[in-house]
């Protein structure tokens, strides 16, 4: 594979396997394309900010990117230490930079690394920006007559100050709650813990040491990677576990009993609090694969809800075009426009603690209250690592028409991003305000992977539908 074909930008950047396709040579290819874009479309004199996470080689890869930029005459502010992705985005906007480059592969396994591009507004590049960057792949980059300066900068102080100003730390301290903070060996280490330490809030920091191998886990705040977190929250008698992924832009959580509180419920908790406690203006956005409890909350408070494709780029686009209060996706990325047009797991961790303090409820109690008010909404996801032939067969058969799944009649189908079936579920009929039962099949465009999502009025229904969906997919192998 040559250098140019090895580098392909996705939602907001390119990722690859370290020492296979993610090499210094290929990182230079990506950096040159970004430099071309900045020189052609941005105020290059404003410079770029570059950050890096805890992964193997991230610091040296960041230095390589900085050298490419500087040789092209673009000034560089290079992080002097490990940097969470939202901090890098905050720095880009705060310093009025032309853009930013983050060396990270987010929640992927340890053997991966990546290059993310952040636009001047402090968020993921629009699809048009990423498409433009790709047109420069493989093109030679002329060197400036005089190389620009590379300045090492600690981006953390303004970002941390913004986090501390956004939440009510006095209320969190007064609540008396103790929190477990799990940074999954990632770039969020020391941030929430440091804020809590200065504020006198009881906490336990977990998996905060530097270990690029992410021993035994992928740094993604979902099961099975947070099994140890669940045990630690109960053992340490904490009111909640606050979890961030490898580059700290996504959030996960565990309640006081060690139960996983998924991203859908986190989003719902934050939305309810923003509408009742803050009453800030703006619409709500959610991805096609997220809970419809959000629709019910938004409707109660008279807020318009935008449903969009899967990926935070859609949230960012809406935030730039409309007045948006909050937006998010299924994978734990939630953004609040008053902060950034960007997902931020560290801010959302602090906000969960703030909600608990204001409502005088543990995380488990907050979730139970939402389920009681808006109806029980349970959710599940299965990632099916299957070959492309089987993956494509499943999608084709689903598109051709399905009358029932798991014995449940298909009521309607939506195809915004994947194929979503709404099902008639007798098990939900007797429940007050029951959640709709839906199943979504979505094929990856880049991997031999089919994701299967389901929401229903009970965990039993979710498991039944997911099992039937997997059987439907595998039937194509016969």
Protein backbone atom coordinates (compact mmCIF):
# COMPACT_ATOMS: atom_id res chain seq x y z
CA UNK A 1 0.00 0.00 0.00
CA UNK A 2 1.50 3.34 -0.99
CA UNK A 3 1.51 6.31 1.32
CA UNK A 4 -1.33 8.20 -0.34
CA UNK A 5 -3.81 5.29 -0.44
CA UNK A 6 -2.94 4.39 3.16
CA UNK A 7 -4.19 7.78 4.38
CA UNK A 8 -7.94 8.29 4.19
CA UNK A 9 -9.81 10.86 6.26
CA UNK A 10 -13.07 9.89 7.92
CA UNK A 11 -15.44 11.95 10.08
CA UNK A 12 -12.75 14.28 11.40
CA UNK A 13 -9.48 12.61 10.59
CA UNK A 14 -7.51 9.49 9.72
CA UNK A 15 -6.57 6.51 11.85
CA UNK A 16 -4.42 3.44 11.34
CA UNK A 17 -2.45 0.69 13.02
CA UNK A 18 0.86 1.84 14.47
CA UNK A 19 3.90 0.67 12.46
CA UNK A 20 1.64 -0.85 9.79
CA UNK A 21 -0.02 2.08 8.03
CA UNK A 22 0.27 4.62 10.85
CA UNK A 23 3.94 5.48 10.25
CA UNK A 24 5.97 8.67 10.32
CA UNK A 25 5.89 8.75 6.51
CA UNK A 26 2.10 8.50 6.38
CA UNK A 27 1.64 11.01 9.20
CA UNK A 28 3.68 13.42 7.06
CA UNK A 29 1.32 12.72 4.13
CA UNK A 30 -1.66 13.62 6.32
CA UNK A 31 0.11 16.67 7.76
CA UNK A 32 1.05 18.00 4.32
CA UNK A 33 -2.57 17.72 3.17
CA UNK A 34 -3.77 19.61 6.24
CA UNK A 35 -1.08 22.25 5.70
CA UNK A 36 -2.20 22.67 2.08
CA UNK A 37 -5.77 23.19 3.25
CA UNK A 38 -4.78 25.75 5.91
CA UNK A 39 -2.64 27.70 3.43
CA UNK A 40 -5.42 27.75 0.81
CA UNK A 41 -8.53 28.26 2.92
CA UNK A 42 -7.63 29.67 6.35
CA UNK A 43 -5.56 32.50 7.79
CA UNK A 44 -2.35 30.51 7.95
CA UNK A 45 -0.59 33.30 9.86
CA UNK A 46 -2.92 32.54 12.78
CA UNK A 47 -1.13 29.22 13.09
CA UNK A 48 -2.28 25.78 14.20
CA UNK A 49 -2.51 24.11 17.60
CA UNK A 50 -1.29 20.53 17.94
CA UNK A 51 -2.05 18.13 20.78
CA UNK A 52 -1.52 14.46 21.56
CA UNK A 53 -2.89 11.73 23.82
CA UNK A 54 -1.38 8.88 25.86
CA UNK A 55 -0.94 6.42 23.01
CA UNK A 56 2.36 4.91 21.97
CA UNK A 57 4.34 7.44 19.95
CA UNK A 58 1.73 10.18 20.10
CA UNK A 59 4.17 12.84 21.30
CA UNK A 60 6.69 12.11 18.55
CA UNK A 61 3.98 11.93 15.88
CA UNK A 62 2.77 15.35 17.06
CA UNK A 63 6.29 16.71 16.67
CA UNK A 64 6.41 15.39 13.09
CA UNK A 65 3.16 17.20 12.26
CA UNK A 66 4.52 20.37 13.85
CA UNK A 67 7.68 20.19 11.73
CA UNK A 68 5.68 19.79 8.50
CA UNK A 69 3.54 22.82 9.38
CA UNK A 70 6.49 24.96 10.37
CA UNK A 71 8.42 24.10 7.20
CA UNK A 72 5.41 25.29 5.20
CA UNK A 73 5.49 28.61 7.05
CA UNK A 74 2.58 27.93 9.40
CA UNK A 75 3.28 28.90 13.04
CA UNK A 76 2.69 26.06 15.51
CA UNK A 77 1.56 25.99 19.13
CA UNK A 78 2.56 22.46 20.16
CA UNK A 79 1.21 21.00 23.38
CA UNK A 80 3.89 20.67 26.04
CA UNK A 81 2.07 17.72 27.62
CA UNK A 82 -0.68 15.16 27.09
CA UNK A 83 -3.85 16.92 25.94
CA UNK A 84 -7.52 15.86 25.89
CA UNK A 85 -9.18 16.43 22.52
CA UNK A 86 -11.74 18.95 23.88
CA UNK A 87 -8.88 20.95 25.40
CA UNK A 88 -7.21 21.12 21.99
CA UNK A 89 -10.49 22.28 20.40
CA UNK A 90 -10.91 24.89 23.14
CA UNK A 91 -7.38 26.14 22.48
CA UNK A 92 -8.00 26.43 18.74
CA UNK A 93 -11.04 28.62 19.27
CA UNK A 94 -9.59 30.58 22.18
CA UNK A 95 -6.34 31.40 20.40
CA UNK A 96 -8.20 32.17 17.15
CA UNK A 97 -6.00 29.66 15.39
CA UNK A 98 -6.46 28.59 11.78
CA UNK A 99 -7.12 25.03 12.95
CA UNK A 100 -5.83 22.21 15.08
CA UNK A 101 -4.39 18.73 14.80
CA UNK A 102 -4.88 16.09 17.48
CA UNK A 103 -2.85 12.89 17.54
CA UNK A 104 -5.25 10.29 18.94
CA UNK A 105 -7.26 7.26 18.02
CA UNK A 106 -9.87 8.01 20.68
CA UNK A 107 -11.50 4.79 21.93
CA UNK A 108 -9.76 2.35 19.57
CA UNK A 109 -7.50 -0.49 20.78
CA UNK A 110 -3.91 0.25 21.79
CA UNK A 111 -2.37 -0.69 18.44
CA UNK A 112 -4.21 2.18 16.72
CA UNK A 113 -3.39 5.86 16.46
CA UNK A 114 -4.79 8.69 14.41
CA UNK A 115 -4.77 12.28 13.19
CA UNK A 116 -7.87 14.39 13.89
CA UNK A 117 -8.42 17.80 12.33
CA UNK A 118 -10.19 20.51 14.32
CA UNK A 119 -11.52 23.57 12.53
CA UNK A 120 -11.09 27.20 13.58
CA UNK A 121 -14.47 27.24 15.36
CA UNK A 122 -13.24 24.64 17.86
CA UNK A 123 -14.89 21.47 16.60
CA UNK A 124 -14.64 18.70 14.04
CA UNK A 125 -14.12 19.81 10.48
CA UNK A 126 -17.27 19.89 8.37
CA UNK A 127 -17.52 17.17 5.72
CA UNK A 128 -16.66 19.81 3.13
CA UNK A 129 -13.45 20.66 5.00
CA UNK A 130 -12.41 17.02 5.32
CA UNK A 131 -13.19 16.44 1.64
CA UNK A 132 -11.02 19.43 0.75
CA UNK A 133 -8.12 18.12 2.85
CA UNK A 134 -8.34 14.77 1.05
CA UNK A 135 -7.86 16.47 -2.33
CA UNK A 136 -4.37 17.49 -1.23
CA UNK A 137 -3.22 13.98 -0.26
CA UNK A 138 -0.01 13.11 -2.09
CA UNK A 139 0.68 16.65 -3.28
CA UNK A 140 4.10 18.12 -2.66
CA UNK A 141 4.17 20.94 -0.12
CA UNK A 142 6.52 23.81 -0.95
CA UNK A 143 8.78 24.88 1.90
CA UNK A 144 8.61 28.46 3.10
CA UNK A 145 11.65 30.66 2.61
CA UNK A 146 11.81 30.95 6.39
CA UNK A 147 10.34 28.18 8.55
CA UNK A 148 7.76 29.28 11.08
CA UNK A 149 8.26 28.94 14.81
CA UNK A 150 7.22 25.92 16.87
CA UNK A 151 6.26 27.08 20.34
CA UNK A 152 5.55 24.58 23.10
CA UNK A 153 2.42 25.61 24.99
CA UNK A 154 0.49 24.28 27.96
CA UNK A 155 -3.13 24.60 26.79
CA UNK A 156 -4.65 23.41 30.05
CA UNK A 157 -5.09 26.54 32.21
CA UNK A 158 -7.80 28.37 30.15
CA UNK A 159 -9.62 25.10 29.51
CA UNK A 160 -9.68 24.05 33.15
CA UNK A 161 -10.81 27.55 34.16
CA UNK A 162 -13.70 27.25 31.69
CA UNK A 163 -14.72 23.87 33.13
CA UNK A 164 -14.63 25.20 36.69
CA UNK A 165 -16.71 28.23 35.71
CA UNK A 166 -19.31 26.09 33.92
CA UNK A 167 -20.28 23.99 36.96
CA UNK A 168 -21.23 24.69 40.57
CA UNK A 169 -18.35 23.13 42.49
CA UNK A 170 -19.62 24.47 45.82
CA UNK A 171 -22.90 22.63 45.35
CA UNK A 172 -21.08 19.42 44.42
CA UNK A 173 -18.94 19.69 47.55
CA UNK A 174 -21.98 20.43 49.73
CA UNK A 175 -23.73 17.30 48.42
CA UNK A 176 -21.25 15.11 50.28
CA UNK A 177 -21.18 12.67 47.37
CA UNK A 178 -17.99 10.75 46.66
CA UNK A 179 -17.08 10.01 43.04
CA UNK A 180 -14.94 7.45 41.27
CA UNK A 181 -13.10 8.95 38.29
CA UNK A 182 -11.97 6.47 35.65
CA UNK A 183 -9.86 7.92 32.83
CA UNK A 184 -9.14 4.50 31.27
CA UNK A 185 -5.38 5.27 31.06
CA UNK A 186 -6.29 8.12 28.70
CA UNK A 187 -5.70 11.82 28.21
CA UNK A 188 -8.27 12.84 30.84
CA UNK A 189 -6.00 11.78 33.68
CA UNK A 190 -5.74 14.39 36.40
CA UNK A 191 -8.37 16.79 35.05
CA UNK A 192 -11.60 16.04 36.94
CA UNK A 193 -9.53 14.72 39.84
CA UNK A 194 -7.55 17.95 39.98
CA UNK A 195 -10.69 20.07 39.91
CA UNK A 196 -12.27 17.99 42.68
CA UNK A 197 -9.05 18.11 44.71
CA UNK A 198 -8.91 21.90 44.63
CA UNK A 199 -12.63 22.14 45.44
CA UNK A 200 -12.45 19.68 48.34
CA UNK A 201 -14.80 17.16 46.71
CA UNK A 202 -14.25 13.52 47.76
CA UNK A 203 -13.10 11.28 44.90
CA UNK A 204 -11.15 8.16 43.98
CA UNK A 205 -9.07 8.21 40.81
CA UNK A 206 -9.01 4.93 38.91
CA UNK A 207 -6.87 3.72 35.99
CA UNK A 208 -5.17 7.11 35.82
CA UNK A 209 -1.60 5.91 35.37
CA UNK A 210 0.16 6.29 32.03
CA UNK A 211 0.02 2.96 30.19
CA UNK A 212 -0.17 3.09 26.36
CA UNK A 213 -1.07 -0.63 26.29
CA UNK A 214 -4.46 0.06 27.93
CA UNK A 215 -3.99 -3.28 29.73
CA UNK A 216 -6.90 -5.64 29.25
CA UNK A 217 -9.26 -3.06 27.72
CA UNK A 218 -10.01 -0.75 24.86
CA UNK A 219 -10.33 2.81 26.22
CA UNK A 220 -14.05 2.93 25.41
CA UNK A 221 -16.46 3.58 28.33
CA UNK A 222 -18.81 0.66 27.64
CA UNK A 223 -18.89 -2.98 28.69
CA UNK A 224 -16.81 -5.09 28.91
CA UNK A 225 -14.13 -2.41 29.32
CA UNK A 226 -15.72 -0.88 32.44
CA UNK A 227 -16.37 -4.11 34.35
CA UNK A 228 -13.60 -3.20 36.81
CA UNK A 229 -15.10 0.28 37.21
CA UNK A 230 -18.43 -1.22 38.26
CA UNK A 231 -16.72 -3.23 40.99
CA UNK A 232 -14.60 -0.29 42.14
CA UNK A 233 -17.58 2.07 42.51
CA UNK A 234 -19.30 -0.36 44.88
CA UNK A 235 -16.12 -1.23 46.76
CA UNK A 236 -15.20 2.45 47.27
CA UNK A 237 -18.80 3.36 48.27
CA UNK A 238 -19.08 6.06 45.60
CA UNK A 239 -22.31 7.71 44.49
CA UNK A 240 -21.28 7.40 40.83
CA UNK A 241 -18.44 6.44 38.53
CA UNK A 242 -17.50 9.08 35.93
CA UNK A 243 -15.64 7.62 32.96
CA UNK A 244 -13.89 9.17 29.95
CA UNK A 245 -12.45 7.48 26.89
CA UNK A 246 -8.91 7.56 25.49
CA UNK A 247 -8.94 11.20 24.41
CA UNK A 248 -11.60 12.30 26.94
CA UNK A 249 -14.23 13.54 24.51
CA UNK A 250 -16.71 10.74 25.32
CA UNK A 251 -18.38 9.87 28.60
CA UNK A 252 -19.63 6.74 30.29
CA UNK A 253 -20.92 6.22 33.82
CA UNK A 254 -21.80 3.73 36.54
CA UNK A 255 -24.36 4.27 39.30
CA UNK A 256 -23.89 3.68 43.02
CA UNK A 257 -24.89 0.02 42.68
CA UNK A 258 -22.41 -0.68 39.90
CA UNK A 259 -25.05 -0.58 37.17
CA UNK A 260 -23.92 0.82 33.83
CA UNK A 261 -25.67 4.08 32.97
CA UNK A 262 -25.38 4.23 29.20
CA UNK A 263 -24.80 7.30 27.06
CA UNK A 264 -28.51 7.61 26.25
CA UNK A 265 -29.45 7.98 29.88
CA UNK A 266 -26.55 10.36 30.54
CA UNK A 267 -27.78 12.54 27.67
CA UNK A 268 -31.35 12.43 29.05
CA UNK A 269 -30.20 13.33 32.58
CA UNK A 270 -28.21 16.32 31.28
CA UNK A 271 -31.03 17.48 29.00
CA UNK A 272 -33.65 17.39 31.76
CA UNK A 273 -31.34 19.35 34.07
CA UNK A 274 -30.51 21.97 31.44
CA UNK A 275 -34.19 22.54 30.71
CA UNK A 276 -35.35 22.69 34.32
CA UNK A 277 -32.37 24.32 36.07
CA UNK A 278 -30.81 26.50 33.36
CA UNK A 279 -33.65 27.15 30.91
CA UNK A 280 -31.09 28.19 28.29
CA UNK A 281 -32.51 28.68 24.79
CA UNK A 282 -31.97 26.36 21.88
CA UNK A 283 -33.05 23.20 20.13
CA UNK A 284 -31.96 19.62 20.84
CA UNK A 285 -30.21 17.29 18.41
CA UNK A 286 -29.79 13.55 18.55
CA UNK A 287 -28.40 10.88 16.26
CA UNK A 288 -30.62 8.33 14.52
CA UNK A 289 -29.45 5.55 16.88
CA UNK A 290 -30.15 7.31 20.18
CA UNK A 291 -33.00 7.01 22.66
CA UNK A 292 -36.39 8.45 21.85
CA UNK A 293 -36.76 9.43 25.51
CA UNK A 294 -35.02 12.61 24.37
CA UNK A 295 -37.96 13.33 22.05
CA UNK A 296 -40.36 13.08 24.98
CA UNK A 297 -38.28 15.39 27.18
CA UNK A 298 -37.87 17.97 24.40
CA UNK A 299 -41.61 17.87 23.62
CA UNK A 300 -42.54 18.42 27.28
CA UNK A 301 -40.49 21.62 27.39
CA UNK A 302 -41.45 22.82 23.92
CA UNK A 303 -38.04 22.41 22.35
CA UNK A 304 -37.55 21.45 18.73
CA UNK A 305 -35.68 18.19 18.26
CA UNK A 306 -33.45 17.54 15.23
CA UNK A 307 -32.81 13.90 14.35
CA UNK A 308 -29.74 13.41 12.18
CA UNK A 309 -27.24 10.88 10.87
CA UNK A 310 -24.80 9.01 13.07
CA UNK A 311 -21.63 10.93 13.92
CA UNK A 312 -20.87 14.08 15.89
CA UNK A 313 -20.15 15.99 12.68
CA UNK A 314 -23.92 16.35 12.26
CA UNK A 315 -24.26 17.84 15.74
CA UNK A 316 -21.42 20.27 15.02
CA UNK A 317 -22.98 21.34 11.72
CA UNK A 318 -26.32 22.05 13.40
CA UNK A 319 -24.61 23.98 16.20
CA UNK A 320 -22.94 26.21 13.63
CA UNK A 321 -26.17 26.80 11.70
CA UNK A 322 -28.85 26.99 14.43
CA UNK A 323 -29.30 27.86 18.09
CA UNK A 324 -28.70 24.46 19.68
CA UNK A 325 -28.77 23.83 23.42
CA UNK A 326 -27.33 20.32 23.43
CA UNK A 327 -26.64 17.56 20.93
CA UNK A 328 -25.25 14.09 21.04
CA UNK A 329 -24.73 10.61 19.73
CA UNK A 330 -25.02 7.02 20.94
CA UNK A 331 -21.32 6.50 21.59
CA UNK A 332 -21.05 8.93 24.51
CA UNK A 333 -20.34 12.13 22.62
CA UNK A 334 -22.47 14.97 24.01
CA UNK A 335 -21.86 18.64 23.27
CA UNK A 336 -23.27 21.80 24.84
CA UNK A 337 -23.03 24.80 22.54
CA UNK A 338 -22.44 27.34 25.34
CA UNK A 339 -19.14 25.51 25.88
CA UNK A 340 -17.98 24.25 22.47
CA UNK A 341 -19.40 22.80 19.24
CA UNK A 342 -17.59 19.68 20.38
CA UNK A 343 -18.18 16.65 22.58
CA UNK A 344 -16.45 16.90 25.96
CA UNK A 345 -16.36 13.95 28.34
CA UNK A 346 -14.63 15.92 31.08
CA UNK A 347 -17.24 18.69 31.16
CA UNK A 348 -20.04 16.12 31.07
CA UNK A 349 -18.48 14.23 33.99
CA UNK A 350 -18.54 17.41 36.04
CA UNK A 351 -22.08 18.19 34.93
CA UNK A 352 -23.34 14.77 36.04
CA UNK A 353 -21.93 15.49 39.49
CA UNK A 354 -23.60 18.93 39.36
CA UNK A 355 -26.97 17.41 38.46
CA UNK A 356 -26.71 14.95 41.35
CA UNK A 357 -25.94 17.80 43.73
CA UNK A 358 -28.77 20.02 42.50
CA UNK A 359 -31.38 17.27 42.46
CA UNK A 360 -30.09 15.65 45.68
CA UNK A 361 -30.18 12.25 44.00
CA UNK A 362 -27.59 9.61 43.25
CA UNK A 363 -27.06 8.73 39.61
CA UNK A 364 -29.22 5.63 39.97
CA UNK A 365 -32.02 7.70 41.48
CA UNK A 366 -31.82 10.24 38.65
CA UNK A 367 -32.19 7.51 36.04
CA UNK A 368 -35.07 5.89 37.92
CA UNK A 369 -36.88 9.24 38.10
CA UNK A 370 -36.57 9.72 34.34
CA UNK A 371 -37.82 6.20 33.65
CA UNK A 372 -40.79 6.81 35.93
CA UNK A 373 -41.71 10.11 34.27
CA UNK A 374 -41.07 9.34 30.60
CA UNK A 375 -41.54 5.57 30.49
CA UNK A 376 -39.00 2.79 30.77
CA UNK A 377 -36.47 2.97 27.93
CA UNK A 378 -33.91 0.17 27.73
CA UNK A 379 -31.21 -0.10 25.11
CA UNK A 380 -28.73 -2.57 23.68
CA UNK A 381 -26.12 -2.75 20.92
CA UNK A 382 -24.33 -5.67 19.30
CA UNK A 383 -21.29 -5.26 17.04
CA UNK A 384 -21.21 -8.11 14.52
CA UNK A 385 -17.74 -8.60 13.05
CA UNK A 386 -18.70 -10.38 9.85
CA UNK A 387 -17.37 -10.44 6.31
CA UNK A 388 -18.54 -7.86 3.79
CA UNK A 389 -20.54 -10.42 1.81
CA UNK A 390 -22.64 -11.38 4.84
CA UNK A 391 -22.92 -7.75 5.96
CA UNK A 392 -24.14 -6.60 2.56
CA UNK A 393 -26.51 -9.56 2.28
CA UNK A 394 -28.18 -8.63 5.56
CA UNK A 395 -28.70 -5.03 4.46
CA UNK A 396 -30.06 -6.09 1.07
CA UNK A 397 -32.51 -8.54 2.67
CA UNK A 398 -33.60 -5.89 5.19
CA UNK A 399 -34.20 -3.37 2.40
CA UNK A 400 -36.18 -5.92 0.41
CA UNK A 401 -38.80 -5.99 3.13
CA UNK A 402 -39.31 -7.75 6.46
CA UNK A 403 -42.77 -8.35 7.88
CA UNK A 404 -41.75 -9.33 11.41
CA UNK A 405 -38.74 -9.65 13.70
CA UNK A 406 -38.75 -11.93 16.74
CA UNK A 407 -42.42 -12.51 15.99
CA UNK A 408 -43.12 -8.79 16.33
CA UNK A 409 -44.92 -7.11 13.44
CA UNK A 410 -43.02 -4.40 11.58
CA UNK A 411 -45.09 -1.21 11.78
CA UNK A 412 -42.87 1.11 9.75
CA UNK A 413 -39.32 1.51 8.45
CA UNK A 414 -36.98 4.53 8.46
CA UNK A 415 -33.75 4.78 6.46
CA UNK A 416 -32.06 8.02 7.55
CA UNK A 417 -28.81 6.21 8.40
CA UNK A 418 -29.13 2.44 8.19
CA UNK A 419 -32.44 0.57 8.31
CA UNK A 420 -34.65 1.06 11.37
CA UNK A 421 -37.68 -1.15 12.03
CA UNK A 422 -40.43 -0.03 14.44
CA UNK A 423 -42.10 -3.08 15.93
CA UNK A 424 -45.46 -3.84 17.52
CA UNK A 425 -44.56 -5.25 20.92
CA UNK A 426 -47.39 -6.76 23.04
CA UNK A 427 -45.02 -6.92 26.04
CA UNK A 428 -45.01 -3.11 26.10
CA UNK A 429 -48.73 -2.63 25.62
CA UNK A 430 -49.58 -2.87 29.32
CA UNK A 431 -46.81 -0.55 30.50
CA UNK A 432 -47.60 3.11 31.19
CA UNK A 433 -45.98 5.47 28.70
CA UNK A 434 -44.06 2.55 27.20
CA UNK A 435 -41.11 3.16 24.93
CA UNK A 436 -41.48 2.30 21.26
CA UNK A 437 -39.65 -0.86 20.24
CA UNK A 438 -37.22 -0.30 17.38
CA UNK A 439 -34.32 -2.14 15.77
CA UNK A 440 -31.60 -0.54 13.66
CA UNK A 441 -29.18 -2.31 11.32
CA UNK A 442 -26.24 -0.18 10.19
CA UNK A 443 -23.31 -1.43 8.13
CA UNK A 444 -19.87 0.11 8.46
CA UNK A 445 -18.63 1.61 5.23
CA UNK A 446 -14.98 0.98 6.07
CA UNK A 447 -14.89 -2.25 8.13
CA UNK A 448 -16.35 -5.78 7.99
CA UNK A 449 -18.75 -4.75 10.73
CA UNK A 450 -22.51 -4.56 11.16
CA UNK A 451 -23.92 -2.72 14.18
CA UNK A 452 -27.29 -3.76 15.54
CA UNK A 453 -29.14 -1.40 17.89
CA UNK A 454 -32.40 -1.85 19.77
CA UNK A 455 -34.55 0.14 22.19
CA UNK A 456 -37.65 -1.15 23.94
CA UNK A 457 -39.68 -1.00 27.15
CA UNK A 458 -37.68 -3.70 28.95
CA UNK A 459 -34.26 -5.30 28.91
CA UNK A 460 -35.89 -8.64 28.16
CA UNK A 461 -37.49 -7.24 24.99
CA UNK A 462 -34.20 -5.69 23.93
CA UNK A 463 -32.34 -8.97 24.33
CA UNK A 464 -35.06 -10.90 22.49
CA UNK A 465 -35.04 -8.54 19.50
CA UNK A 466 -31.23 -8.36 19.32
CA UNK A 467 -31.01 -12.16 19.37
CA UNK A 468 -33.55 -12.42 16.55
CA UNK A 469 -31.75 -9.73 14.56
CA UNK A 470 -28.44 -11.60 14.84
CA UNK A 471 -30.14 -14.76 13.62
CA UNK A 472 -31.59 -12.80 10.68
CA UNK A 473 -28.13 -11.52 9.77
CA UNK A 474 -26.47 -14.94 10.03
CA UNK A 475 -29.20 -16.59 7.96
CA UNK A 476 -27.49 -15.09 4.94
CA UNK A 477 -24.52 -17.38 5.52
CA UNK A 478 -26.53 -20.51 4.69
